[in-house]
Amino acid sequence: MVKLMNLVTKYFNELTTTELYEILKSRAEIFVVEQNCTYQDLDDIDYRSLHIFYESDGKIIAYLRAFEKDASARIVQIGRVLTLTHGTGLGGKLLKEGISHIREKMNPSSIYIEAQCYAIGFYEREGFMVSSGEFLEDGIPHVEMVLII
């Protein structure tokens, strides 16, 4: 039986407490537990972010956030991109839909991400291009990538 998924796009002040709890729980599951990375997830950026996620049966199953990196240059940054199930295509679907909603709601000139190196191909499929050399973020190799709108 296929479970129903709903795509949700909300700014922080529109989130319910249950949605916020489920977002934070899914981020901890992927970035802290699965990737074994101790870092400060609660960085105050959530307050000014657009939260885009797939919800199914009250659970967040895929998520990303978007926020202005440079308002004057209309650069939007995305981050905390995750799916709870890997290899299903849900991440690509979320990224494609997320970009569409970011374009509509935030009108960026470009979208920037600090991508984990293993995921470069994932972002390239949606048109992102590597724009930096490799660097470590919380002990994990990353690169900067950009999508020109």
C-alpha atoms as a PDB file:
ATOM      1  CA  MET A   1       0.000   0.000   0.000  1.00  0.00           C
ATOM      2  CA  VAL A   2       1.369   3.394  -1.029  1.00  0.00           C
ATOM      3  CA  LYS A   3       1.287   5.967   1.751  1.00  0.00           C
ATOM      4  CA  LEU A   4       0.060   9.453   1.019  1.00  0.00           C
ATOM      5  CA  MET A   5       2.684  12.185   1.100  1.00  0.00           C
ATOM      6  CA  ASN A   6       1.965  15.863   1.327  1.00  0.00           C
ATOM      7  CA  LEU A   7       4.428  18.549   0.273  1.00  0.00           C
ATOM      8  CA  VAL A   8       4.397  21.359   2.822  1.00  0.00           C
ATOM      9  CA  THR A   9       6.022  24.775   2.435  1.00  0.00           C
ATOM     10  CA  LYS A  10       5.929  27.081   5.457  1.00  0.00           C
ATOM     11  CA  TYR A  11       7.885  29.878   7.046  1.00  0.00           C
ATOM     12  CA  PHE A  12       8.927  29.300  10.664  1.00  0.00           C
ATOM     13  CA  ASN A  13       6.041  31.244  12.214  1.00  0.00           C
ATOM     14  CA  GLU A  14       3.563  29.109  10.236  1.00  0.00           C
ATOM     15  CA  LEU A  15       4.862  25.755  11.514  1.00  0.00           C
ATOM     16  CA  THR A  16       2.863  23.888  14.125  1.00  0.00           C
ATOM     17  CA  THR A  17       4.699  22.717  17.220  1.00  0.00           C
ATOM     18  CA  THR A  18       4.272  19.127  16.006  1.00  0.00           C
ATOM     19  CA  GLU A  19       5.783  19.968  12.598  1.00  0.00           C
ATOM     20  CA  LEU A  20       8.731  21.711  14.251  1.00  0.00           C
ATOM     21  CA  TYR A  21       9.298  18.763  16.583  1.00  0.00           C
ATOM     22  CA  GLU A  22       9.181  16.296  13.665  1.00  0.00           C
ATOM     23  CA  ILE A  23      11.588  18.471  11.616  1.00  0.00           C
ATOM     24  CA  LEU A  24      14.107  18.607  14.448  1.00  0.00           C
ATOM     25  CA  LYS A  25      13.710  14.878  15.102  1.00  0.00           C
ATOM     26  CA  SER A  26      14.379  14.000  11.442  1.00  0.00           C
ATOM     27  CA  ARG A  27      17.409  16.308  11.293  1.00  0.00           C
ATOM     28  CA  ALA A  28      18.858  14.696  14.430  1.00  0.00           C
ATOM     29  CA  GLU A  29      18.196  11.208  13.037  1.00  0.00           C
ATOM     30  CA  ILE A  30      20.129  11.890   9.824  1.00  0.00           C
ATOM     31  CA  PHE A  31      22.844  14.381  10.739  1.00  0.00           C
ATOM     32  CA  VAL A  32      23.626  13.441  14.339  1.00  0.00           C
ATOM     33  CA  VAL A  33      22.799   9.725  14.584  1.00  0.00           C
ATOM     34  CA  GLU A  34      23.229   8.359  11.019  1.00  0.00           C
ATOM     35  CA  GLN A  35      26.230  10.533  10.117  1.00  0.00           C
ATOM     36  CA  ASN A  36      27.648  10.390  13.659  1.00  0.00           C
ATOM     37  CA  CYS A  37      28.259  14.144  13.652  1.00  0.00           C
ATOM     38  CA  THR A  38      28.032  16.187  16.806  1.00  0.00           C
ATOM     39  CA  TYR A  39      27.150  19.770  15.905  1.00  0.00           C
ATOM     40  CA  GLN A  40      24.812  22.577  16.967  1.00  0.00           C
ATOM     41  CA  ASP A  41      21.762  22.090  14.746  1.00  0.00           C
ATOM     42  CA  LEU A  42      19.711  24.822  16.412  1.00  0.00           C
ATOM     43  CA  ASP A  43      21.470  27.828  14.885  1.00  0.00           C
ATOM     44  CA  ASP A  44      18.674  30.460  14.848  1.00  0.00           C
ATOM     45  CA  ILE A  45      18.559  30.332  11.023  1.00  0.00           C
ATOM     46  CA  ASP A  46      15.313  28.352  11.249  1.00  0.00           C
ATOM     47  CA  TYR A  47      13.539  31.530  12.385  1.00  0.00           C
ATOM     48  CA  ARG A  48      14.143  33.168   8.995  1.00  0.00           C
ATOM     49  CA  SER A  49      13.860  30.064   6.825  1.00  0.00           C
ATOM     50  CA  LEU A  50      11.327  28.662   4.435  1.00  0.00           C
ATOM     51  CA  HIS A  51      10.823  25.035   5.493  1.00  0.00           C
ATOM     52  CA  ILE A  52       9.938  22.617   2.692  1.00  0.00           C
ATOM     53  CA  PHE A  53       9.130  19.023   3.516  1.00  0.00           C
ATOM     54  CA  TYR A  54       7.221  15.894   2.669  1.00  0.00           C
ATOM     55  CA  GLU A  55       4.969  14.668   5.449  1.00  0.00           C
ATOM     56  CA  SER A  56       3.368  11.241   5.681  1.00  0.00           C
ATOM     57  CA  ASP A  57       1.237  10.045   8.595  1.00  0.00           C
ATOM     58  CA  GLY A  58       2.399  12.996  10.698  1.00  0.00           C
ATOM     59  CA  LYS A  59       6.096  12.240  10.148  1.00  0.00           C
ATOM     60  CA  ILE A  60       8.611  14.330   8.215  1.00  0.00           C
ATOM     61  CA  ILE A  61      10.120  11.973   5.625  1.00  0.00           C
ATOM     62  CA  ALA A  62      12.104  14.489   3.537  1.00  0.00           C
ATOM     63  CA  TYR A  63      13.129  18.044   4.366  1.00  0.00           C
ATOM     64  CA  LEU A  64      15.131  21.105   3.391  1.00  0.00           C
ATOM     65  CA  ARG A  65      15.257  24.715   4.491  1.00  0.00           C
ATOM     66  CA  ALA A  66      15.955  27.870   2.478  1.00  0.00           C
ATOM     67  CA  PHE A  67      16.995  31.323   3.666  1.00  0.00           C
ATOM     68  CA  GLU A  68      18.479  34.533   2.295  1.00  0.00           C
ATOM     69  CA  LYS A  69      22.263  34.301   2.236  1.00  0.00           C
ATOM     70  CA  ASP A  70      22.656  37.750   0.634  1.00  0.00           C
ATOM     71  CA  ALA A  71      19.432  39.738   0.255  1.00  0.00           C
ATOM     72  CA  SER A  72      20.943  42.503  -1.897  1.00  0.00           C
ATOM     73  CA  ALA A  73      22.308  39.969  -4.417  1.00  0.00           C
ATOM     74  CA  ARG A  74      19.144  37.796  -4.100  1.00  0.00           C
ATOM     75  CA  ILE A  75      21.158  34.709  -3.157  1.00  0.00           C
ATOM     76  CA  VAL A  76      19.195  32.040  -1.320  1.00  0.00           C
ATOM     77  CA  GLN A  77      20.952  29.240   0.524  1.00  0.00           C
ATOM     78  CA  ILE A  78      19.487  25.799   1.062  1.00  0.00           C
ATOM     79  CA  GLY A  79      20.578  23.381   3.710  1.00  0.00           C
ATOM     80  CA  ARG A  80      19.673  20.544   6.046  1.00  0.00           C
ATOM     81  CA  VAL A  81      18.586  18.518   3.002  1.00  0.00           C
ATOM     82  CA  LEU A  82      17.528  15.013   4.063  1.00  0.00           C
ATOM     83  CA  THR A  83      15.357  11.999   3.389  1.00  0.00           C
ATOM     84  CA  LEU A  84      14.651   9.283   5.913  1.00  0.00           C
ATOM     85  CA  THR A  85      14.606   6.610   3.197  1.00  0.00           C
ATOM     86  CA  HIS A  86      17.506   6.480   0.780  1.00  0.00           C
ATOM     87  CA  GLY A  87      17.456   5.351  -2.843  1.00  0.00           C
ATOM     88  CA  THR A  88      13.744   5.951  -3.452  1.00  0.00           C
ATOM     89  CA  GLY A  89      13.973   9.129  -5.548  1.00  0.00           C
ATOM     90  CA  LEU A  90      12.239  11.142  -2.845  1.00  0.00           C
ATOM     91  CA  GLY A  91      15.282  13.376  -2.304  1.00  0.00           C
ATOM     92  CA  GLY A  92      15.387  14.364  -5.974  1.00  0.00           C
ATOM     93  CA  LYS A  93      11.649  14.992  -5.957  1.00  0.00           C
ATOM     94  CA  LEU A  94      11.986  17.200  -2.859  1.00  0.00           C
ATOM     95  CA  LEU A  95      14.902  19.142  -4.369  1.00  0.00           C
ATOM     96  CA  LYS A  96      13.049  19.757  -7.651  1.00  0.00           C
ATOM     97  CA  GLU A  97       9.838  20.838  -5.862  1.00  0.00           C
ATOM     98  CA  GLY A  98      11.846  22.836  -3.311  1.00  0.00           C
ATOM     99  CA  ILE A  99      13.612  24.819  -6.035  1.00  0.00           C
ATOM    100  CA  SER A 100      10.255  25.578  -7.631  1.00  0.00           C
ATOM    101  CA  HIS A 101       8.802  26.863  -4.334  1.00  0.00           C
ATOM    102  CA  ILE A 102      11.968  28.855  -3.554  1.00  0.00           C
ATOM    103  CA  ARG A 103      11.777  30.524  -6.964  1.00  0.00           C
ATOM    104  CA  GLU A 104       8.110  31.387  -6.428  1.00  0.00           C
ATOM    105  CA  LYS A 105       8.312  32.612  -2.823  1.00  0.00           C
ATOM    106  CA  MET A 106      11.837  34.071  -2.591  1.00  0.00           C
ATOM    107  CA  ASN A 107      12.648  35.207  -6.163  1.00  0.00           C
ATOM    108  CA  PRO A 108      16.379  34.404  -6.035  1.00  0.00           C
ATOM    109  CA  SER A 109      18.979  35.190  -8.685  1.00  0.00           C
ATOM    110  CA  SER A 110      20.841  32.061  -7.565  1.00  0.00           C
ATOM    111  CA  ILE A 111      20.623  29.256  -5.024  1.00  0.00           C
ATOM    112  CA  TYR A 112      23.721  28.290  -3.019  1.00  0.00           C
ATOM    113  CA  ILE A 113      24.465  25.153  -1.034  1.00  0.00           C
ATOM    114  CA  GLU A 114      27.379  23.749   0.911  1.00  0.00           C
ATOM    115  CA  ALA A 115      27.003  20.149  -0.261  1.00  0.00           C
ATOM    116  CA  GLN A 116      28.553  17.046   1.197  1.00  0.00           C
ATOM    117  CA  CYS A 117      30.963  15.756  -1.447  1.00  0.00           C
ATOM    118  CA  TYR A 118      29.262  12.378  -1.811  1.00  0.00           C
ATOM    119  CA  ALA A 119      26.075  14.236  -2.899  1.00  0.00           C
ATOM    120  CA  ILE A 120      27.604  16.356  -5.704  1.00  0.00           C
ATOM    121  CA  GLY A 121      25.916  14.289  -8.433  1.00  0.00           C
ATOM    122  CA  PHE A 122      22.561  14.587  -6.668  1.00  0.00           C
ATOM    123  CA  TYR A 123      22.707  18.395  -6.867  1.00  0.00           C
ATOM    124  CA  GLU A 124      24.222  18.450 -10.356  1.00  0.00           C
ATOM    125  CA  ARG A 125      21.110  16.634 -11.661  1.00  0.00           C
ATOM    126  CA  GLU A 126      19.111  19.771 -10.805  1.00  0.00           C
ATOM    127  CA  GLY A 127      21.648  22.126 -12.422  1.00  0.00           C
ATOM    128  CA  PHE A 128      23.919  23.027  -9.496  1.00  0.00           C
ATOM    129  CA  MET A 129      27.600  23.532 -10.349  1.00  0.00           C
ATOM    130  CA  VAL A 130      30.577  23.104  -8.018  1.00  0.00           C
ATOM    131  CA  SER A 131      31.985  26.564  -7.256  1.00  0.00           C
ATOM    132  CA  SER A 132      34.748  25.862  -4.719  1.00  0.00           C
ATOM    133  CA  GLY A 133      37.391  23.412  -3.697  1.00  0.00           C
ATOM    134  CA  GLU A 134      36.728  20.823  -1.040  1.00  0.00           C
ATOM    135  CA  PHE A 135      36.582  21.913   2.608  1.00  0.00           C
ATOM    136  CA  LEU A 136      35.688  20.274   5.918  1.00  0.00           C
ATOM    137  CA  GLU A 137      32.475  21.211   7.719  1.00  0.00           C
ATOM    138  CA  ASP A 138      31.985  19.396  11.032  1.00  0.00           C
ATOM    139  CA  GLY A 139      34.612  16.886   9.885  1.00  0.00           C
ATOM    140  CA  ILE A 140      32.743  16.024   6.657  1.00  0.00           C
ATOM    141  CA  PRO A 141      34.105  16.949   3.167  1.00  0.00           C
ATOM    142  CA  HIS A 142      31.939  19.598   1.453  1.00  0.00           C
ATOM    143  CA  VAL A 143      32.004  21.842  -1.619  1.00  0.00           C
ATOM    144  CA  GLU A 144      30.129  25.023  -2.438  1.00  0.00           C
ATOM    145  CA  MET A 145      27.638  24.673  -5.278  1.00  0.00           C
ATOM    146  CA  VAL A 146      25.467  27.215  -7.038  1.00  0.00           C
ATOM    147  CA  LEU A 147      22.397  27.142  -9.248  1.00  0.00           C
ATOM    148  CA  ILE A 148      21.947  30.247 -11.409  1.00  0.00           C
ATOM    149  CA  ILE A 149      18.275  31.034 -11.873  1.00  0.00           C
END
